[in-house]
Amino acid sequence: MNRNSQTPTSTNTTKSMGIADTMSSMFQPPAIFGLTNTIVNNNAGPAIRRQLSRSENAEFKSYNEIHFVPAKKFSLRGVKNGGHDDDNSRYLTSVGDHIAYRYEIQTKLGKGAFGDVYQVYDHKTESRRALKIIRNEHRFNVQGKVEVEVLEKLRMHNPKYNYVKMLESFVFRGHLCLTFELHSHDLYSELKIRDFVGLSVGDICGITANIVMCLQLTKKLNIVHADLKPENILLADEDSFTVKVIDFGSSCFKHGRIHTYVQSRYYRAPEIVLGMGYGCPVDMWSLGCIMVELLTGRPLFAAKNERDLVLYMMEVLGLPESHLLDRAQRTSEFFSKTGLRSNSSTAATPRQKYCSLRVVDRRGRRREPSTVDLASAMLHTDDDMIDFVRKCLTWDPAARLTPADALGHPFLQQQPAVKRLRTIGGTMSPLLTSGSSDMGSTVSLNDSGLESVTSILSMCSDE
């Protein structure tokens, strides 16, 4: 299956965010790093087995704990950042190399728009981790700071509510780095393992409840994930369908957006496509798309371009409401305001003053509005699930199902975890209960547009 649905990389790095000043301390060495040179190797003696280079000796002065030094010296082969980066400002490293004299590179997990993710061995905690290295460019550093701020806010709250919890963040040789724990594979990989035969309604119900719990918290904190998709939902282990929402690399705060364009295409909300601005409701749209894909094994709106994407949406959902198109900035790219379409006999009605400019997709197939019922598209007859998805997939984000309402929907009421969260009056205070101050359990990170991590086994986690 061609997953040609990557998130655009264009950003609008405004200076009005006020993040750089508040997070400037992050660009200093980690707290464990000082001004002296003490070799630490878990009580097993110094880890140095070769002569250090001049640059390494100089670098040692910035650290007071050295947990790992590679047995061999890795030659600099880059063209930027003193030879450490390639021409795209990605950090160049290899298996066996070190990050911050603590993490040993074991394998590369994926490559995305914002950086690269590796499986590493943490010689300080004697555990395997996922380590994300952000590209060393201003625009990616700006978004990286936002990601860290988002993750810092999330980890102030109970970690049991299905979000990725960052372990540490630091800067190494000009690159922002983030670490997370490893768990099992993502939901797209699960579908692939099953030859794209969908999951049961019961399993999807549990997965949906986990995701909604996370989205309830992010909405309370005014955080927009902005890239929910099966690749960014990770199985916590191989024994259940408990999942964690990962990859906040495209995330932003509701009133501090720095992206002008977000979400992978298959899961992109109509307000993004039509240019209406966006907020937390885009994540609920993505959830609806994900639920259908988990059920059928294939994306609901598998469009190769945005013109087809709008056609596929209209085929199932009908035409958007006129008041939405009146204020959308890109309406004229997809709709005409009056008269007949050139390739259809359907005229705009008095109540619907817009009609689609196209009804034929890139393969020459007709895609008339409201010609495919949602239940038919889902290949299922579960009324509660169909109603839940329908309420996620509304053109108007203001009318879309909210996480709080979703937790009270009949489709999720059979889930024990949801029932525990429901309190008298419908409040969701347990979601905002602060967790312990330790790092707790987290998951690996999958960058926006990152290739799917096919198997990160739970045995790699230091439980």
Protein backbone atom coordinates (compact mmCIF):
# COMPACT_ATOMS: atom_id res chain seq x y z
CA MET A 1 0.00 0.00 0.00
CA ASN A 2 1.36 3.36 -1.03
CA ARG A 3 1.28 5.67 1.97
CA ASN A 4 1.61 8.84 -0.08
CA SER A 5 0.08 10.98 2.61
CA GLN A 6 2.94 12.77 4.23
CA THR A 7 2.63 15.93 6.23
CA PRO A 8 3.84 19.07 4.38
CA THR A 9 6.98 20.56 5.83
CA SER A 10 6.24 24.23 5.20
CA THR A 11 6.24 26.31 8.36
CA ASN A 12 5.60 29.90 9.34
CA THR A 13 8.11 30.54 12.08
CA THR A 14 6.71 33.64 13.72
CA LYS A 15 8.74 35.50 16.31
CA SER A 16 5.63 36.29 18.34
CA MET A 17 5.50 32.92 20.08
CA GLY A 18 7.77 33.86 22.97
CA ILE A 19 9.12 30.32 23.21
CA ALA A 20 12.77 30.91 22.43
CA ASP A 21 13.36 33.01 25.54
CA THR A 22 11.47 30.73 27.90
CA MET A 23 13.25 27.63 26.64
CA SER A 24 16.71 29.00 25.94
CA SER A 25 18.09 27.06 28.86
CA MET A 26 17.36 23.89 26.93
CA PHE A 27 20.24 24.72 24.62
CA GLN A 28 22.72 24.28 27.44
CA PRO A 29 24.21 20.88 28.26
CA PRO A 30 21.89 18.59 30.27
CA ALA A 31 21.74 19.03 34.01
CA ILE A 32 24.04 16.06 34.57
CA PHE A 33 26.73 17.77 32.55
CA GLY A 34 29.19 19.98 34.40
CA LEU A 35 32.69 21.30 34.06
CA THR A 36 34.78 18.33 35.19
CA ASN A 37 35.68 15.06 33.57
CA THR A 38 34.61 12.04 35.64
CA ILE A 39 34.35 8.71 33.84
CA VAL A 40 31.31 6.69 34.91
CA ASN A 41 30.60 3.19 33.63
CA ASN A 42 28.10 1.62 36.02
CA ASN A 43 30.87 0.64 38.49
CA ALA A 44 32.63 -1.40 35.81
CA GLY A 45 35.56 0.91 35.23
CA PRO A 46 36.29 3.49 32.53
CA ALA A 47 34.66 2.88 29.15
CA ILE A 48 37.57 4.38 27.21
CA ARG A 49 39.40 1.80 25.11
CA ARG A 50 41.23 4.05 22.69
CA GLN A 51 43.06 7.35 22.51
CA LEU A 52 40.72 10.31 22.44
CA SER A 53 40.87 12.89 19.67
CA ARG A 54 41.62 16.53 20.36
CA SER A 55 37.97 17.50 19.81
CA GLU A 56 36.79 14.75 22.16
CA ASN A 57 39.19 15.90 24.86
CA ALA A 58 37.86 19.43 24.49
CA GLU A 59 34.27 18.18 24.53
CA PHE A 60 34.86 16.20 27.73
CA LYS A 61 35.22 19.47 29.63
CA SER A 62 31.48 20.07 29.21
CA TYR A 63 30.55 16.82 30.97
CA ASN A 64 30.91 15.63 34.53
CA GLU A 65 29.68 12.11 33.74
CA ILE A 66 30.93 10.03 30.82
CA HIS A 67 28.89 6.84 30.53
CA PHE A 68 30.01 5.56 27.14
CA VAL A 69 32.81 6.12 24.64
CA PRO A 70 32.80 4.08 21.42
CA ALA A 71 35.57 1.54 20.95
CA LYS A 72 36.43 3.06 17.58
CA LYS A 73 36.70 6.61 16.37
CA PHE A 74 34.07 7.63 13.83
CA SER A 75 35.40 9.85 11.07
CA LEU A 76 33.59 13.07 10.30
CA ARG A 77 32.02 12.82 6.85
CA GLY A 78 29.52 15.68 6.82
CA VAL A 79 29.58 19.04 5.07
CA LYS A 80 28.01 21.19 7.81
CA ASN A 81 28.40 21.76 11.54
CA GLY A 82 32.09 20.92 11.62
CA GLY A 83 31.54 17.72 9.65
CA HIS A 84 28.79 16.35 11.93
CA ASP A 85 25.83 17.16 9.60
CA ASP A 86 24.92 16.37 6.00
CA ASP A 87 23.81 19.01 3.52
CA ASN A 88 20.26 18.82 4.92
CA SER A 89 21.49 19.52 8.48
CA ARG A 90 20.79 15.97 9.64
CA TYR A 91 23.17 14.58 12.22
CA LEU A 92 25.38 11.82 10.78
CA THR A 93 25.91 8.84 13.02
CA SER A 94 26.38 5.07 12.78
CA VAL A 95 25.75 1.92 14.79
CA GLY A 96 28.10 1.90 17.76
CA ASP A 97 28.53 5.66 17.86
CA HIS A 98 27.58 7.71 20.91
CA ILE A 99 25.20 10.56 21.63
CA ALA A 100 26.24 12.78 24.56
CA TYR A 101 28.68 10.09 25.79
CA ARG A 102 25.71 8.20 27.21
CA TYR A 103 23.57 6.72 24.45
CA GLU A 104 24.94 4.05 22.09
CA ILE A 105 23.39 3.93 18.62
CA GLN A 106 21.92 0.47 17.92
CA THR A 107 19.70 0.88 14.87
CA LYS A 108 17.84 3.52 12.91
CA LEU A 109 14.09 3.41 13.41
CA GLY A 110 13.03 5.99 10.86
CA LYS A 111 13.56 9.24 9.05
CA GLY A 112 11.09 12.11 8.96
CA ALA A 113 10.72 15.73 8.02
CA PHE A 114 11.95 17.07 11.35
CA GLY A 115 14.73 14.58 12.06
CA ASP A 116 15.76 11.00 12.64
CA VAL A 117 14.87 8.43 15.28
CA TYR A 118 17.25 5.75 16.57
CA GLN A 119 17.07 2.87 18.97
CA VAL A 120 19.83 3.47 21.49
CA TYR A 121 21.20 1.84 24.60
CA ASP A 122 21.30 4.16 27.60
CA HIS A 123 24.49 3.26 29.47
CA LYS A 124 23.40 5.30 32.50
CA THR A 125 20.10 3.49 33.11
CA GLU A 126 21.11 0.26 31.34
CA SER A 127 18.00 0.30 29.17
CA ARG A 128 17.04 0.68 25.54
CA ARG A 129 15.42 3.92 24.44
CA ALA A 130 14.18 5.72 21.36
CA LEU A 131 16.15 8.88 20.64
CA LYS A 132 14.99 11.58 18.25
CA ILE A 133 17.58 13.94 16.77
CA ILE A 134 16.10 17.14 15.31
CA ARG A 135 17.63 18.64 12.17
CA ASN A 136 19.96 21.55 12.93
CA GLU A 137 18.03 24.33 11.18
CA HIS A 138 16.23 27.30 12.67
CA ARG A 139 12.73 26.28 11.55
CA PHE A 140 13.14 22.77 12.96
CA ASN A 141 14.63 24.07 16.18
CA VAL A 142 11.62 26.36 16.60
CA GLN A 143 9.20 23.45 16.14
CA GLY A 144 11.41 21.24 18.32
CA LYS A 145 11.10 23.72 21.17
CA VAL A 146 7.31 23.65 20.77
CA GLU A 147 7.37 19.85 20.83
CA VAL A 148 9.39 19.85 24.04
CA GLU A 149 7.06 22.39 25.62
CA VAL A 150 4.04 20.29 24.64
CA LEU A 151 5.62 17.12 26.03
CA GLU A 152 6.65 18.90 29.23
CA LYS A 153 3.06 20.00 29.79
CA LEU A 154 1.74 16.52 29.09
CA ARG A 155 4.09 14.78 31.48
CA MET A 156 2.89 16.98 34.33
CA HIS A 157 -0.30 14.92 34.20
CA ASN A 158 -1.16 11.31 34.81
CA PRO A 159 0.86 9.16 32.36
CA LYS A 160 -1.78 6.44 32.26
CA TYR A 161 -3.88 8.36 29.76
CA ASN A 162 -2.25 7.09 26.63
CA TYR A 163 0.18 9.78 25.51
CA VAL A 164 3.90 9.66 24.88
CA LYS A 165 5.90 10.83 27.87
CA MET A 166 9.26 12.40 27.13
CA LEU A 167 12.11 11.15 29.32
CA GLU A 168 14.73 13.82 28.64
CA SER A 169 15.62 16.58 26.22
CA PHE A 170 19.07 18.04 25.63
CA VAL A 171 21.26 19.53 22.94
CA PHE A 172 24.20 17.63 21.48
CA ARG A 173 26.50 19.23 18.91
CA GLY A 174 23.84 21.74 17.96
CA HIS A 175 21.00 19.22 17.66
CA LEU A 176 17.98 19.09 19.94
CA CYS A 177 17.54 15.50 21.14
CA LEU A 178 14.58 13.84 22.87
CA THR A 179 14.43 10.39 24.47
CA PHE A 180 11.51 8.02 25.01
CA GLU A 181 11.01 4.38 26.02
CA LEU A 182 10.38 1.61 23.53
CA HIS A 183 7.20 -0.41 23.28
CA SER A 184 5.62 -2.47 20.51
CA HIS A 185 4.81 -1.61 16.88
CA ASP A 186 2.34 0.94 15.50
CA LEU A 187 -1.18 0.32 14.22
CA TYR A 188 -0.26 0.58 10.55
CA SER A 189 2.32 -2.15 11.09
CA GLU A 190 -0.34 -4.21 12.86
CA LEU A 191 -2.60 -3.92 9.81
CA LYS A 192 0.31 -4.84 7.56
CA ILE A 193 1.05 -7.93 9.65
CA ARG A 194 -2.60 -8.94 9.17
CA ASP A 195 -2.39 -8.43 5.37
CA PHE A 196 -4.67 -5.42 5.87
CA VAL A 197 -7.53 -7.45 7.28
CA GLY A 198 -9.25 -5.12 9.72
CA LEU A 199 -9.55 -5.46 13.48
CA SER A 200 -12.68 -6.45 15.37
CA VAL A 201 -15.17 -3.82 16.51
CA GLY A 202 -14.33 -4.68 20.12
CA ASP A 203 -10.61 -4.08 19.61
CA ILE A 204 -11.31 -0.82 17.77
CA CYS A 205 -13.55 0.28 20.62
CA GLY A 206 -10.71 -0.15 23.12
CA ILE A 207 -8.21 1.60 20.86
CA THR A 208 -10.61 4.48 20.28
CA ALA A 209 -11.20 4.88 24.00
CA ASN A 210 -7.43 5.13 24.60
CA ILE A 211 -7.01 7.78 21.90
CA VAL A 212 -10.00 9.80 23.09
CA MET A 213 -8.61 9.83 26.63
CA CYS A 214 -5.42 11.36 25.26
CA LEU A 215 -7.36 13.88 23.17
CA GLN A 216 -9.42 14.90 26.19
CA LEU A 217 -6.22 15.87 27.96
CA THR A 218 -4.71 17.65 24.94
CA LYS A 219 -7.93 19.62 24.46
CA LYS A 220 -7.89 20.67 28.12
CA LEU A 221 -4.34 21.90 27.60
CA ASN A 222 -5.20 23.56 24.25
CA ILE A 223 -2.78 21.26 22.42
CA VAL A 224 -3.41 20.23 18.81
CA HIS A 225 -1.64 16.98 17.88
CA ALA A 226 -2.08 17.75 14.15
CA ASP A 227 -0.78 14.44 12.80
CA LEU A 228 -2.88 11.59 14.13
CA LYS A 229 -2.61 8.50 11.93
CA PRO A 230 -2.09 4.75 12.46
CA GLU A 231 1.69 5.17 12.32
CA ASN A 232 1.51 7.56 15.26
CA ILE A 233 -0.47 5.24 17.52
CA LEU A 234 1.71 2.65 19.20
CA LEU A 235 0.74 -0.62 20.85
CA ALA A 236 1.90 -0.48 24.45
CA ASP A 237 2.76 -4.18 24.38
CA GLU A 238 2.12 -7.31 22.33
CA ASP A 239 -0.46 -8.78 24.69
CA SER A 240 -3.28 -6.27 24.30
CA PHE A 241 -4.62 -3.44 22.19
CA THR A 242 -3.79 -0.76 24.72
CA VAL A 243 -2.28 2.06 22.68
CA LYS A 244 -0.28 5.24 23.17
CA VAL A 245 -0.49 8.37 21.04
CA ILE A 246 3.02 9.29 19.90
CA ASP A 247 4.83 11.87 17.80
CA PHE A 248 3.99 15.39 18.87
CA GLY A 249 6.48 16.70 16.30
CA SER A 250 3.78 18.60 14.41
CA SER A 251 1.89 19.67 17.50
CA CYS A 252 1.16 23.19 18.57
CA PHE A 253 -0.84 25.11 21.09
CA LYS A 254 -4.27 26.26 19.96
CA HIS A 255 -3.33 29.95 20.05
CA GLY A 256 0.32 29.54 19.06
CA ARG A 257 0.21 27.78 15.70
CA ILE A 258 3.42 27.98 13.67
CA HIS A 259 2.34 25.67 10.84
CA THR A 260 0.20 26.99 8.04
CA TYR A 261 -0.54 23.46 6.84
CA VAL A 262 -0.68 20.21 8.80
CA GLN A 263 -1.83 16.58 8.92
CA SER A 264 -1.03 13.67 6.64
CA ARG A 265 -3.33 13.77 3.63
CA TYR A 266 -5.47 10.68 4.29
CA TYR A 267 -6.37 12.07 7.73
CA ARG A 268 -6.46 15.78 6.90
CA ALA A 269 -9.51 17.66 8.13
CA PRO A 270 -11.55 19.73 5.64
CA GLU A 271 -10.84 23.00 7.45
CA ILE A 272 -7.15 22.48 6.67
CA VAL A 273 -7.80 21.78 2.99
CA LEU A 274 -10.25 24.65 2.55
CA GLY A 275 -8.17 27.18 4.47
CA MET A 276 -10.46 27.85 7.41
CA GLY A 277 -7.95 27.77 10.24
CA TYR A 278 -7.78 24.90 12.67
CA GLY A 279 -7.78 23.78 16.28
CA CYS A 280 -8.36 20.68 18.39
CA PRO A 281 -11.29 19.38 16.25
CA VAL A 282 -8.86 18.35 13.49
CA ASP A 283 -7.69 15.52 15.74
CA MET A 284 -11.22 14.16 16.11
CA TRP A 285 -11.59 14.16 12.31
CA SER A 286 -8.39 12.13 12.05
CA LEU A 287 -9.70 9.72 14.68
CA GLY A 288 -12.81 9.06 12.60
CA CYS A 289 -10.67 8.27 9.56
CA ILE A 290 -8.42 6.00 11.62
CA MET A 291 -11.38 4.04 13.00
CA VAL A 292 -12.65 3.24 9.51
CA GLU A 293 -9.18 2.18 8.38
CA LEU A 294 -8.75 -0.11 11.38
CA LEU A 295 -12.11 -1.71 10.55
CA THR A 296 -11.69 -2.14 6.78
CA GLY A 297 -7.91 -2.35 6.49
CA ARG A 298 -7.73 0.55 4.07
CA PRO A 299 -7.90 4.36 4.34
CA LEU A 300 -11.32 5.94 3.98
CA PHE A 301 -10.07 8.89 1.92
CA ALA A 302 -6.98 7.52 0.14
CA ALA A 303 -6.49 10.52 -2.14
CA LYS A 304 -3.27 11.30 -4.00
CA ASN A 305 -4.00 15.01 -4.16
CA GLU A 306 -6.31 17.48 -2.47
CA ARG A 307 -8.74 17.78 -5.35
CA ASP A 308 -9.45 14.07 -5.08
CA LEU A 309 -9.52 14.33 -1.30
CA VAL A 310 -12.39 16.82 -1.42
CA LEU A 311 -14.19 14.64 -3.98
CA TYR A 312 -13.88 11.57 -1.76
CA MET A 313 -15.15 13.51 1.24
CA MET A 314 -18.17 14.82 -0.68
CA GLU A 315 -18.95 11.37 -2.06
CA VAL A 316 -19.57 10.13 1.50
CA LEU A 317 -20.51 13.29 3.38
CA GLY A 318 -22.25 15.43 0.73
CA LEU A 319 -21.49 19.07 0.00
CA PRO A 320 -20.13 21.31 2.76
CA GLU A 321 -22.48 23.87 4.26
CA SER A 322 -22.52 27.20 2.46
CA HIS A 323 -21.59 29.20 5.55
CA LEU A 324 -18.32 27.27 5.75
CA LEU A 325 -17.46 27.87 2.11
CA ASP A 326 -18.33 31.54 2.49
CA ARG A 327 -15.43 32.01 4.89
CA ALA A 328 -12.95 29.44 3.55
CA GLN A 329 -9.95 30.95 1.77
CA ARG A 330 -9.63 28.19 -0.85
CA THR A 331 -13.27 27.70 -1.82
CA SER A 332 -12.74 28.79 -5.42
CA GLU A 333 -10.22 25.97 -5.95
CA PHE A 334 -12.88 23.32 -5.37
CA PHE A 335 -16.32 24.91 -5.79
CA SER A 336 -18.21 27.31 -8.04
CA LYS A 337 -20.69 29.67 -6.47
CA THR A 338 -23.57 29.72 -8.95
CA GLY A 339 -24.91 27.95 -12.04
CA LEU A 340 -24.37 24.48 -13.41
CA ARG A 341 -21.21 22.45 -13.26
CA SER A 342 -19.60 21.94 -16.64
CA ASN A 343 -19.50 18.17 -16.17
CA SER A 344 -22.71 17.50 -14.22
CA SER A 345 -26.40 18.19 -14.62
CA THR A 346 -26.86 19.04 -10.94
CA ALA A 347 -27.50 22.74 -10.36
CA ALA A 348 -26.91 24.62 -7.16
CA THR A 349 -30.12 24.70 -5.15
CA PRO A 350 -31.46 27.77 -3.30
CA ARG A 351 -30.28 26.29 -0.01
CA GLN A 352 -26.87 25.24 -1.37
CA LYS A 353 -25.33 28.03 -3.40
CA TYR A 354 -22.08 26.14 -4.11
CA CYS A 355 -21.43 23.15 -6.30
CA SER A 356 -18.31 21.11 -6.96
CA LEU A 357 -16.06 22.12 -9.83
CA ARG A 358 -15.21 18.46 -10.45
CA VAL A 359 -16.90 15.10 -10.12
CA VAL A 360 -14.18 13.00 -11.80
CA ASP A 361 -11.04 11.93 -9.94
CA ARG A 362 -7.52 11.54 -11.31
CA ARG A 363 -8.32 8.04 -12.58
CA GLY A 364 -11.41 9.17 -14.46
CA ARG A 365 -13.94 7.76 -12.00
CA ARG A 366 -17.08 9.78 -11.21
CA ARG A 367 -17.39 10.85 -7.58
CA GLU A 368 -20.80 12.48 -7.16
CA PRO A 369 -21.66 14.00 -3.75
CA SER A 370 -23.72 11.85 -1.37
CA THR A 371 -23.54 8.71 -3.52
CA VAL A 372 -21.78 6.46 -0.97
CA ASP A 373 -23.34 5.79 2.41
CA LEU A 374 -20.97 5.88 5.37
CA ALA A 375 -22.13 2.44 6.54
CA SER A 376 -21.30 1.04 3.09
CA ALA A 377 -17.88 2.67 3.19
CA MET A 378 -17.26 1.11 6.60
CA LEU A 379 -18.43 -2.33 5.43
CA HIS A 380 -20.20 -2.76 8.75
CA THR A 381 -23.58 -2.41 10.40
CA ASP A 382 -22.67 -1.56 14.01
CA ASP A 383 -25.02 1.39 14.58
CA ASP A 384 -23.10 2.84 17.54
CA MET A 385 -19.77 2.78 15.71
CA ILE A 386 -21.28 4.26 12.55
CA ASP A 387 -22.87 7.06 14.56
CA PHE A 388 -19.59 7.73 16.39
CA VAL A 389 -17.63 7.99 13.13
CA ARG A 390 -20.33 10.11 11.51
CA LYS A 391 -20.11 12.62 14.34
CA CYS A 392 -16.32 12.76 13.95
CA LEU A 393 -16.54 13.36 10.20
CA THR A 394 -18.53 16.57 10.01
CA TRP A 395 -17.56 19.37 7.67
CA ASP A 396 -18.17 21.95 10.40
CA PRO A 397 -15.52 21.62 13.13
CA ALA A 398 -17.85 23.37 15.58
CA ALA A 399 -20.39 20.56 15.16
CA ARG A 400 -17.82 17.78 15.43
CA LEU A 401 -17.79 15.32 18.31
CA THR A 402 -15.60 16.51 21.19
CA PRO A 403 -13.43 14.17 23.28
CA ALA A 404 -15.66 14.73 26.33
CA ASP A 405 -18.80 13.88 24.37
CA ALA A 406 -17.02 10.94 22.76
CA LEU A 407 -16.32 9.39 26.16
CA GLY A 408 -20.07 9.48 26.84
CA HIS A 409 -21.04 8.02 23.47
CA PRO A 410 -22.74 4.60 23.56
CA PHE A 411 -19.96 3.13 21.39
CA LEU A 412 -17.39 3.70 24.15
CA GLN A 413 -19.56 3.11 27.19
CA GLN A 414 -18.74 -0.61 27.21
CA GLN A 415 -15.10 0.23 27.95
CA PRO A 416 -14.21 -0.13 31.68
CA ALA A 417 -11.47 2.50 31.42
CA VAL A 418 -13.99 5.04 30.14
CA LYS A 419 -16.45 4.21 32.91
CA ARG A 420 -13.75 4.83 35.53
CA LEU A 421 -13.16 8.29 34.10
CA ARG A 422 -16.80 9.29 34.12
CA THR A 423 -17.75 11.11 37.30
CA ILE A 424 -20.96 12.62 38.53
CA GLY A 425 -21.80 15.61 36.37
CA GLY A 426 -19.64 14.35 33.51
CA THR A 427 -16.44 16.04 34.65
CA MET A 428 -13.13 14.60 33.61
CA SER A 429 -10.92 15.63 36.51
CA PRO A 430 -8.94 12.34 36.64
CA LEU A 431 -7.38 13.27 33.30
CA LEU A 432 -5.79 16.32 34.84
CA THR A 433 -4.45 14.66 37.95
CA SER A 434 -0.73 15.21 38.19
CA GLY A 435 1.38 12.10 38.05
CA SER A 436 4.49 11.32 40.01
CA SER A 437 7.61 13.33 39.49
CA ASP A 438 9.58 10.42 38.05
CA MET A 439 9.84 9.74 34.37
CA GLY A 440 7.50 6.74 34.28
CA SER A 441 6.71 4.72 31.17
CA THR A 442 6.76 6.24 27.71
CA VAL A 443 6.88 5.11 24.10
CA SER A 444 9.09 5.51 21.09
CA LEU A 445 8.72 8.58 18.92
CA ASN A 446 7.59 8.49 15.31
CA ASP A 447 8.35 11.76 13.58
CA SER A 448 5.86 13.49 11.32
CA GLY A 449 6.09 11.76 7.98
CA LEU A 450 8.31 9.11 9.51
CA GLU A 451 8.55 5.69 7.93
CA SER A 452 6.64 3.13 9.98
CA VAL A 453 8.53 1.37 12.74
CA THR A 454 7.71 -2.23 11.86
CA SER A 455 8.79 -3.94 15.05
CA ILE A 456 9.96 -2.30 18.25
CA LEU A 457 9.35 -5.14 20.63
CA SER A 458 8.18 -4.59 24.14
CA MET A 459 11.07 -6.76 25.33
CA CYS A 460 13.31 -3.81 24.47
CA SER A 461 11.68 -1.78 27.20
CA ASP A 462 13.29 -1.66 30.60
CA GLU A 463 10.19 -2.34 32.67
